[in-house]
Amino acid sequence: MGTARKAHRARWRALRIKRVYEAPEAADGRRVLVDRLWPRGLSKQRAALHTWLRDLSPSDELRRKVHAAPDDGWDNFLKEYRKELGTEAAKAAIAQLEELLVEGPVTLLYAAKDEEHNNAVALKSILEG
């Protein structure tokens, strides 16, 4: 693997993941919401977002599938989500995320209660390659 590719992967590994309902911290750096829907009961002020990249979230159909059976369909979810991230809108959002990461720490925010099976965990895993 080339040096540039290793640096690219290392950059994605620097992404942090946090539930959006947790209190913001200075170490979060840029806080980026990667859910399609706004988190229930959360004000914009309390969320303390830098940006909301909806195009990095899975489609509504795929989101419903994984929430219905997270353990049974996780590998399939990752496969389908990877395909969805190939759209032009998703590629543009990935480029925006990468620009933010060059500037400093970035924390991907999600609302799901499941800390192991959510789109932020999946997104980070996919980007790390």
Protein backbone atom coordinates (compact mmCIF):
# COMPACT_ATOMS: atom_id res chain seq x y z
CA MET A 1 0.00 0.00 0.00
CA GLY A 2 1.30 3.42 -0.98
CA THR A 3 2.19 6.15 1.49
CA ALA A 4 -0.62 8.42 0.27
CA ARG A 5 -3.20 5.67 0.72
CA LYS A 6 -1.92 4.91 4.24
CA ALA A 7 -2.17 8.60 5.15
CA HIS A 8 -5.69 8.72 3.74
CA ARG A 9 -6.78 5.74 5.85
CA ALA A 10 -5.04 7.12 8.93
CA ARG A 11 -6.97 10.36 8.51
CA TRP A 12 -10.30 8.49 8.56
CA ARG A 13 -9.21 6.56 11.67
CA ALA A 14 -8.88 9.93 13.41
CA LEU A 15 -12.66 10.39 13.17
CA ARG A 16 -14.40 10.22 16.51
CA ILE A 17 -17.91 8.92 17.14
CA LYS A 18 -20.33 10.16 19.75
CA ARG A 19 -24.03 10.08 20.49
CA VAL A 20 -25.49 13.52 19.72
CA TYR A 21 -27.27 13.62 23.08
CA GLU A 22 -23.94 13.58 24.95
CA ALA A 23 -22.64 16.98 26.05
CA PRO A 24 -20.29 18.71 23.60
CA GLU A 25 -16.62 18.84 24.60
CA ALA A 26 -13.72 20.85 23.22
CA ALA A 27 -12.03 17.58 22.17
CA ASP A 28 -14.94 16.89 19.78
CA GLY A 29 -13.59 19.44 17.35
CA ARG A 30 -16.03 19.84 14.47
CA ARG A 31 -19.31 18.12 15.38
CA VAL A 32 -20.97 16.59 12.31
CA LEU A 33 -24.42 15.02 12.44
CA VAL A 34 -24.63 12.08 10.03
CA ASP A 35 -28.29 11.09 10.57
CA ARG A 36 -31.02 11.64 7.99
CA LEU A 37 -33.55 12.77 10.62
CA TRP A 38 -33.09 15.47 13.25
CA PRO A 39 -32.62 13.89 16.73
CA ARG A 40 -35.86 13.84 18.68
CA GLY A 41 -36.16 16.39 21.47
CA LEU A 42 -32.80 18.03 20.81
CA SER A 43 -32.44 21.76 20.21
CA LYS A 44 -29.97 23.07 17.65
CA GLN A 45 -28.21 24.97 20.41
CA ARG A 46 -27.75 21.87 22.58
CA ALA A 47 -26.57 19.83 19.59
CA ALA A 48 -23.75 22.34 18.99
CA LEU A 49 -23.21 21.17 15.41
CA HIS A 50 -20.69 22.45 12.95
CA THR A 51 -22.70 20.92 10.11
CA TRP A 52 -25.32 18.32 9.28
CA LEU A 53 -24.33 16.02 6.41
CA ARG A 54 -27.60 14.23 5.62
CA ASP A 55 -26.13 12.81 2.42
CA LEU A 56 -23.82 10.64 4.53
CA SER A 57 -26.74 8.89 6.17
CA PRO A 58 -28.27 5.69 4.85
CA SER A 59 -31.52 5.87 2.91
CA ASP A 60 -34.72 5.71 4.91
CA GLU A 61 -35.38 2.19 3.63
CA LEU A 62 -31.95 0.94 4.66
CA ARG A 63 -32.16 2.71 8.01
CA ARG A 64 -35.45 0.97 8.78
CA LYS A 65 -34.01 -2.43 7.85
CA VAL A 66 -31.07 -2.13 10.23
CA HIS A 67 -33.20 -0.81 13.09
CA ALA A 68 -35.61 -3.71 12.70
CA ALA A 69 -32.91 -6.38 13.02
CA PRO A 70 -29.48 -4.89 13.84
CA ASP A 71 -27.67 -8.13 14.65
CA ASP A 72 -29.13 -10.20 11.82
CA GLY A 73 -28.50 -7.78 8.98
CA TRP A 74 -25.42 -5.79 9.95
CA ASP A 75 -23.12 -7.21 7.26
CA ASN A 76 -25.81 -6.72 4.63
CA PHE A 77 -26.40 -3.20 5.91
CA LEU A 78 -22.68 -2.37 5.51
CA LYS A 79 -22.71 -3.73 1.96
CA GLU A 80 -25.81 -1.75 0.95
CA TYR A 81 -24.65 1.39 2.76
CA ARG A 82 -21.30 1.25 0.94
CA LYS A 83 -23.22 1.24 -2.36
CA GLU A 84 -25.31 4.24 -1.28
CA LEU A 85 -22.14 6.15 -0.43
CA GLY A 86 -21.20 5.89 -4.11
CA THR A 87 -23.80 8.46 -5.17
CA GLU A 88 -22.66 11.89 -6.27
CA ALA A 89 -24.32 13.57 -3.28
CA ALA A 90 -22.62 11.18 -0.85
CA LYS A 91 -19.25 11.62 -2.56
CA ALA A 92 -19.57 15.40 -2.22
CA ALA A 93 -20.41 15.02 1.48
CA ILE A 94 -17.41 12.70 1.97
CA ALA A 95 -15.18 15.33 0.37
CA GLN A 96 -16.62 17.96 2.71
CA LEU A 97 -15.99 15.68 5.69
CA GLU A 98 -12.42 15.08 4.54
CA GLU A 99 -11.82 18.85 4.30
CA LEU A 100 -13.03 19.27 7.87
CA LEU A 101 -10.76 16.49 9.04
CA VAL A 102 -7.72 18.17 7.50
CA GLU A 103 -8.52 21.25 9.62
CA GLY A 104 -8.64 19.32 12.91
CA PRO A 105 -10.62 16.82 14.98
CA VAL A 106 -14.04 15.74 13.72
CA THR A 107 -16.70 13.87 15.65
CA LEU A 108 -19.45 12.00 13.82
CA LEU A 109 -22.72 12.34 15.71
CA TYR A 110 -25.61 9.89 15.69
CA ALA A 111 -28.86 9.59 17.64
CA ALA A 112 -29.38 5.82 17.80
CA LYS A 113 -29.31 4.14 21.21
CA ASP A 114 -27.26 1.20 19.90
CA GLU A 115 -23.60 2.19 20.23
CA GLU A 116 -22.32 -0.73 18.14
CA HIS A 117 -24.83 -0.82 15.29
CA ASN A 118 -25.46 2.66 13.95
CA ASN A 119 -24.69 4.58 10.79
CA ALA A 120 -21.79 6.58 12.31
CA VAL A 121 -19.97 3.37 13.27
CA ALA A 122 -20.70 1.95 9.82
CA LEU A 123 -19.61 5.13 8.05
CA LYS A 124 -16.29 5.26 9.91
CA SER A 125 -15.66 1.58 9.17
CA ILE A 126 -16.43 2.02 5.47
CA LEU A 127 -14.26 5.13 5.15
CA GLU A 128 -11.35 3.39 6.86
CA GLY A 129 -11.59 0.77 4.10
